[in-house]
Amino acid sequence: MRKAAGAVAAAAVAFGSMVFTAPSAIAAPQGPQETAAAPAKCVKVVRFYSKRFNRLVEVENTCARKACFSVTVAARRDPEFAIGANKKESFRYGGTLWTQGTGIKNIGC
């Protein structure tokens, strides 16, 4: 009896999530509204490297204002950093036992 009730409950949850996710995907805003809210692409990666027991990324900010970014690391939470206007700087994002970063994401400050 419990197995049957559990199966019915699981099916109802699965069906309910399919019904409610489909209309929200259709109603998502598209076009220039999304790009207007996205932060400018000011920060560029110069290089990824290791020094002693640290993993570092060297980045360059080409904008005339402070910019924020996060380093993309697989299977980890992406660490977030900020860099001043028109600067080139290195940031430590993990130890050598971490996986190497694959890139950066420009985020809002």
N, C-alpha and C. Protein backbone atom coordinates (compact mmCIF):
# COMPACT_ATOMS: atom_id res chain seq x y z
N MET A 1 0.83 -1.19 0.00
CA MET A 1 0.00 0.00 0.00
C MET A 1 0.87 1.26 0.00
N ARG A 2 1.95 1.24 0.81
CA ARG A 2 2.82 2.41 0.89
C ARG A 2 3.55 2.64 -0.43
N LYS A 3 3.97 1.55 -1.08
CA LYS A 3 4.66 1.68 -2.35
C LYS A 3 3.75 2.30 -3.40
N ALA A 4 2.50 1.86 -3.42
CA ALA A 4 1.54 2.40 -4.39
C ALA A 4 1.27 3.87 -4.12
N ALA A 5 1.12 4.25 -2.86
CA ALA A 5 0.86 5.64 -2.52
C ALA A 5 2.09 6.49 -2.86
N GLY A 6 3.27 5.98 -2.63
CA GLY A 6 4.51 6.70 -2.95
C GLY A 6 4.67 6.89 -4.45
N ALA A 7 4.32 5.86 -5.22
CA ALA A 7 4.42 5.96 -6.68
C ALA A 7 3.44 6.99 -7.22
N VAL A 8 2.22 7.01 -6.67
CA VAL A 8 1.21 7.98 -7.11
C VAL A 8 1.66 9.40 -6.76
N ALA A 9 2.21 9.58 -5.56
CA ALA A 9 2.68 10.90 -5.15
C ALA A 9 3.84 11.37 -6.03
N ALA A 10 4.79 10.48 -6.34
CA ALA A 10 5.92 10.83 -7.19
C ALA A 10 5.46 11.19 -8.60
N ALA A 11 4.50 10.45 -9.12
CA ALA A 11 3.96 10.75 -10.46
C ALA A 11 3.25 12.10 -10.47
N ALA A 12 2.52 12.41 -9.41
CA ALA A 12 1.81 13.69 -9.35
C ALA A 12 2.80 14.85 -9.28
N VAL A 13 3.88 14.70 -8.53
CA VAL A 13 4.89 15.75 -8.43
C VAL A 13 5.58 15.94 -9.78
N ALA A 14 5.94 14.84 -10.44
CA ALA A 14 6.61 14.93 -11.74
C ALA A 14 5.69 15.58 -12.77
N PHE A 15 4.43 15.19 -12.82
CA PHE A 15 3.50 15.77 -13.77
C PHE A 15 3.26 17.25 -13.46
N GLY A 16 3.15 17.60 -12.20
CA GLY A 16 2.93 18.99 -11.81
C GLY A 16 4.10 19.87 -12.18
N SER A 17 5.33 19.37 -12.03
CA SER A 17 6.49 20.18 -12.38
C SER A 17 6.58 20.39 -13.89
N MET A 18 6.15 19.39 -14.68
CA MET A 18 6.16 19.55 -16.14
C MET A 18 5.12 20.57 -16.57
N VAL A 19 3.98 20.58 -15.92
CA VAL A 19 2.91 21.49 -16.31
C VAL A 19 3.28 22.93 -15.99
N PHE A 20 3.92 23.17 -14.84
CA PHE A 20 4.22 24.53 -14.43
C PHE A 20 5.50 25.09 -15.06
N THR A 21 6.43 24.24 -15.50
CA THR A 21 7.65 24.76 -16.09
C THR A 21 7.48 25.12 -17.56
N ALA A 22 6.64 24.47 -18.29
CA ALA A 22 6.47 24.75 -19.71
C ALA A 22 5.94 26.16 -19.97
N PRO A 23 4.88 26.64 -19.33
CA PRO A 23 4.42 27.99 -19.61
C PRO A 23 5.42 29.08 -19.19
N SER A 24 6.19 28.84 -18.13
CA SER A 24 7.15 29.86 -17.71
C SER A 24 8.27 29.99 -18.72
N ALA A 25 8.63 28.90 -19.41
CA ALA A 25 9.67 28.97 -20.43
C ALA A 25 9.19 29.76 -21.64
N ILE A 26 7.90 29.65 -21.95
CA ILE A 26 7.35 30.38 -23.08
C ILE A 26 7.24 31.87 -22.76
N ALA A 27 6.93 32.20 -21.53
CA ALA A 27 6.70 33.58 -21.14
C ALA A 27 7.99 34.32 -20.78
N ALA A 28 9.15 33.68 -20.92
CA ALA A 28 10.41 34.32 -20.56
C ALA A 28 10.70 35.49 -21.51
N PRO A 29 11.20 36.61 -20.98
CA PRO A 29 11.49 37.75 -21.84
C PRO A 29 12.65 37.44 -22.78
N GLN A 30 12.55 37.92 -24.00
CA GLN A 30 13.59 37.68 -24.99
C GLN A 30 13.93 39.00 -25.67
N GLY A 31 15.13 39.06 -26.20
CA GLY A 31 15.50 40.23 -26.96
C GLY A 31 16.33 41.22 -26.17
N PRO A 32 16.17 42.52 -26.47
CA PRO A 32 17.05 43.53 -25.90
C PRO A 32 16.92 43.72 -24.39
N GLN A 33 15.80 43.28 -23.78
CA GLN A 33 15.65 43.47 -22.34
C GLN A 33 16.72 42.69 -21.58
N GLU A 34 17.05 41.48 -22.02
CA GLU A 34 18.05 40.67 -21.33
C GLU A 34 19.44 41.26 -21.48
N THR A 35 19.79 41.76 -22.65
CA THR A 35 21.13 42.29 -22.86
C THR A 35 21.32 43.62 -22.13
N ALA A 36 20.26 44.36 -21.91
CA ALA A 36 20.38 45.64 -21.21
C ALA A 36 20.73 45.43 -19.74
N ALA A 37 20.25 44.34 -19.14
CA ALA A 37 20.52 44.07 -17.73
C ALA A 37 21.87 43.39 -17.52
N ALA A 38 22.47 42.83 -18.58
CA ALA A 38 23.74 42.13 -18.45
C ALA A 38 24.88 43.13 -18.23
N PRO A 39 25.85 42.78 -17.36
CA PRO A 39 26.97 43.68 -17.14
C PRO A 39 27.88 43.76 -18.38
N ALA A 40 28.59 44.84 -18.52
CA ALA A 40 29.50 45.03 -19.64
C ALA A 40 30.66 44.04 -19.54
N LYS A 41 31.21 43.66 -20.67
CA LYS A 41 32.32 42.71 -20.70
C LYS A 41 33.64 43.46 -20.60
N CYS A 42 33.94 43.93 -19.42
CA CYS A 42 35.15 44.73 -19.19
C CYS A 42 36.36 43.88 -18.87
N VAL A 43 36.17 42.76 -18.20
CA VAL A 43 37.28 41.97 -17.67
C VAL A 43 37.65 40.88 -18.68
N LYS A 44 38.93 40.80 -19.00
CA LYS A 44 39.45 39.80 -19.93
C LYS A 44 40.55 39.00 -19.23
N VAL A 45 40.62 37.69 -19.52
CA VAL A 45 41.65 36.83 -18.94
C VAL A 45 42.96 37.04 -19.70
N VAL A 46 44.03 37.26 -18.96
CA VAL A 46 45.36 37.33 -19.56
C VAL A 46 45.98 35.94 -19.54
N ARG A 47 45.93 35.27 -18.37
CA ARG A 47 46.45 33.90 -18.27
C ARG A 47 46.01 33.25 -16.98
N PHE A 48 45.96 31.92 -17.00
CA PHE A 48 45.79 31.10 -15.81
C PHE A 48 47.15 30.49 -15.50
N TYR A 49 47.55 30.46 -14.22
CA TYR A 49 48.83 29.87 -13.86
C TYR A 49 48.81 29.41 -12.41
N SER A 50 49.84 28.60 -12.06
CA SER A 50 50.02 28.11 -10.69
C SER A 50 51.33 28.69 -10.16
N LYS A 51 51.29 29.08 -8.89
CA LYS A 51 52.50 29.60 -8.24
C LYS A 51 52.55 29.00 -6.84
N ARG A 52 53.59 28.22 -6.56
CA ARG A 52 53.74 27.49 -5.31
C ARG A 52 52.54 26.58 -5.10
N PHE A 53 51.68 26.85 -4.12
CA PHE A 53 50.55 25.99 -3.83
C PHE A 53 49.22 26.66 -4.17
N ASN A 54 49.24 27.64 -5.05
CA ASN A 54 48.04 28.41 -5.37
C ASN A 54 47.74 28.38 -6.86
N ARG A 55 46.45 28.45 -7.18
CA ARG A 55 46.01 28.64 -8.56
C ARG A 55 45.63 30.10 -8.70
N LEU A 56 46.15 30.75 -9.73
CA LEU A 56 45.93 32.17 -9.92
C LEU A 56 45.42 32.44 -11.33
N VAL A 57 44.70 33.54 -11.46
CA VAL A 57 44.26 34.02 -12.76
C VAL A 57 44.67 35.49 -12.85
N GLU A 58 45.27 35.85 -13.97
CA GLU A 58 45.64 37.25 -14.20
C GLU A 58 44.60 37.83 -15.16
N VAL A 59 43.97 38.92 -14.75
CA VAL A 59 42.92 39.53 -15.56
C VAL A 59 43.23 41.00 -15.79
N GLU A 60 42.58 41.55 -16.80
CA GLU A 60 42.75 42.96 -17.14
C GLU A 60 41.39 43.60 -17.29
N ASN A 61 41.21 44.75 -16.64
CA ASN A 61 39.98 45.53 -16.75
C ASN A 61 40.21 46.64 -17.76
N THR A 62 39.42 46.66 -18.83
CA THR A 62 39.59 47.66 -19.88
C THR A 62 38.61 48.81 -19.76
N CYS A 63 37.74 48.78 -18.76
CA CYS A 63 36.75 49.84 -18.58
C CYS A 63 37.27 50.91 -17.62
N ALA A 64 36.61 52.06 -17.64
CA ALA A 64 36.99 53.18 -16.78
C ALA A 64 36.23 53.16 -15.47
N ARG A 65 35.79 51.99 -15.03
CA ARG A 65 35.07 51.85 -13.77
C ARG A 65 35.43 50.51 -13.15
N LYS A 66 35.11 50.34 -11.88
CA LYS A 66 35.35 49.07 -11.19
C LYS A 66 34.48 48.00 -11.83
N ALA A 67 35.03 46.80 -11.98
CA ALA A 67 34.29 45.69 -12.57
C ALA A 67 34.38 44.48 -11.66
N CYS A 68 33.33 43.66 -11.66
CA CYS A 68 33.30 42.43 -10.86
C CYS A 68 33.23 41.23 -11.79
N PHE A 69 33.82 40.12 -11.35
CA PHE A 69 33.82 38.90 -12.15
C PHE A 69 33.92 37.70 -11.23
N SER A 70 33.59 36.53 -11.79
CA SER A 70 33.77 35.28 -11.05
C SER A 70 34.55 34.31 -11.93
N VAL A 71 35.39 33.49 -11.29
CA VAL A 71 36.19 32.50 -12.00
C VAL A 71 35.38 31.22 -12.06
N THR A 72 35.23 30.64 -13.24
CA THR A 72 34.47 29.41 -13.43
C THR A 72 35.36 28.23 -13.09
N VAL A 73 34.98 27.47 -12.06
CA VAL A 73 35.72 26.29 -11.63
C VAL A 73 34.74 25.12 -11.59
N ALA A 74 35.08 24.01 -12.24
CA ALA A 74 34.20 22.86 -12.31
C ALA A 74 33.99 22.26 -10.93
N ALA A 75 32.75 21.91 -10.61
CA ALA A 75 32.36 21.22 -9.38
C ALA A 75 32.65 22.02 -8.12
N ARG A 76 32.80 23.31 -8.22
CA ARG A 76 33.02 24.18 -7.06
C ARG A 76 32.17 25.42 -7.21
N ARG A 77 31.96 26.12 -6.11
CA ARG A 77 31.29 27.40 -6.17
C ARG A 77 32.26 28.42 -6.75
N ASP A 78 31.79 29.22 -7.70
CA ASP A 78 32.66 30.17 -8.38
C ASP A 78 33.02 31.33 -7.46
N PRO A 79 34.33 31.54 -7.18
CA PRO A 79 34.73 32.68 -6.35
C PRO A 79 34.55 33.99 -7.11
N GLU A 80 34.14 35.04 -6.39
CA GLU A 80 33.88 36.34 -7.00
C GLU A 80 34.93 37.35 -6.56
N PHE A 81 35.31 38.23 -7.51
CA PHE A 81 36.33 39.24 -7.25
C PHE A 81 35.92 40.56 -7.88
N ALA A 82 36.62 41.63 -7.49
CA ALA A 82 36.43 42.96 -8.09
C ALA A 82 37.81 43.52 -8.44
N ILE A 83 37.87 44.24 -9.55
CA ILE A 83 39.12 44.85 -9.99
C ILE A 83 38.86 46.31 -10.32
N GLY A 84 39.81 47.17 -9.98
CA GLY A 84 39.67 48.60 -10.21
C GLY A 84 39.73 48.97 -11.69
N ALA A 85 39.47 50.22 -11.96
CA ALA A 85 39.42 50.72 -13.34
C ALA A 85 40.79 50.68 -14.00
N ASN A 86 40.81 50.19 -15.25
CA ASN A 86 42.02 50.18 -16.09
C ASN A 86 43.23 49.55 -15.40
N LYS A 87 43.05 48.38 -14.82
CA LYS A 87 44.12 47.68 -14.10
C LYS A 87 44.34 46.30 -14.66
N LYS A 88 45.54 45.76 -14.41
CA LYS A 88 45.86 44.36 -14.66
C LYS A 88 46.31 43.79 -13.33
N GLU A 89 45.67 42.68 -12.87
CA GLU A 89 45.93 42.17 -11.53
C GLU A 89 45.75 40.66 -11.50
N SER A 90 46.44 39.99 -10.57
CA SER A 90 46.30 38.54 -10.37
C SER A 90 45.46 38.27 -9.13
N PHE A 91 44.64 37.20 -9.20
CA PHE A 91 43.78 36.81 -8.09
C PHE A 91 43.96 35.33 -7.82
N ARG A 92 44.03 34.96 -6.52
CA ARG A 92 44.11 33.56 -6.10
C ARG A 92 42.69 33.03 -5.99
N TYR A 93 42.37 31.97 -6.72
CA TYR A 93 41.03 31.42 -6.65
C TYR A 93 40.99 30.02 -6.06
N GLY A 94 42.13 29.44 -5.70
CA GLY A 94 42.12 28.13 -5.06
C GLY A 94 43.51 27.58 -4.88
N GLY A 95 43.57 26.42 -4.25
CA GLY A 95 44.84 25.73 -4.07
C GLY A 95 45.13 24.83 -5.25
N THR A 96 46.33 24.27 -5.28
CA THR A 96 46.73 23.43 -6.41
C THR A 96 45.94 22.13 -6.47
N LEU A 97 45.29 21.73 -5.39
CA LEU A 97 44.46 20.53 -5.43
C LEU A 97 43.11 20.79 -6.09
N TRP A 98 42.73 22.05 -6.26
CA TRP A 98 41.49 22.39 -6.97
C TRP A 98 41.69 22.13 -8.45
N THR A 99 40.58 21.97 -9.16
CA THR A 99 40.66 21.90 -10.61
C THR A 99 40.95 23.28 -11.15
N GLN A 100 41.58 23.34 -12.30
CA GLN A 100 41.95 24.63 -12.88
C GLN A 100 40.71 25.34 -13.41
N GLY A 101 40.70 26.65 -13.33
CA GLY A 101 39.59 27.45 -13.83
C GLY A 101 39.49 27.35 -15.34
N THR A 102 38.27 27.45 -15.85
CA THR A 102 38.07 27.33 -17.29
C THR A 102 37.76 28.68 -17.94
N GLY A 103 37.46 29.69 -17.16
CA GLY A 103 37.14 30.99 -17.72
C GLY A 103 36.61 31.91 -16.64
N ILE A 104 36.09 33.07 -17.06
CA ILE A 104 35.51 34.01 -16.13
C ILE A 104 34.14 34.43 -16.62
N LYS A 105 33.33 34.92 -15.69
CA LYS A 105 32.02 35.49 -16.01
C LYS A 105 32.01 36.91 -15.48
N ASN A 106 31.64 37.86 -16.32
CA ASN A 106 31.47 39.24 -15.87
C ASN A 106 30.14 39.32 -15.15
N ILE A 107 30.14 39.85 -13.93
CA ILE A 107 28.93 39.96 -13.13
C ILE A 107 28.77 41.40 -12.67
N GLY A 108 27.59 41.74 -12.22
CA GLY A 108 27.35 43.07 -11.68
C GLY A 108 27.91 43.20 -10.28
N CYS A 109 28.36 44.40 -9.95
CA CYS A 109 28.95 44.64 -8.61
C CYS A 109 27.89 44.92 -7.57
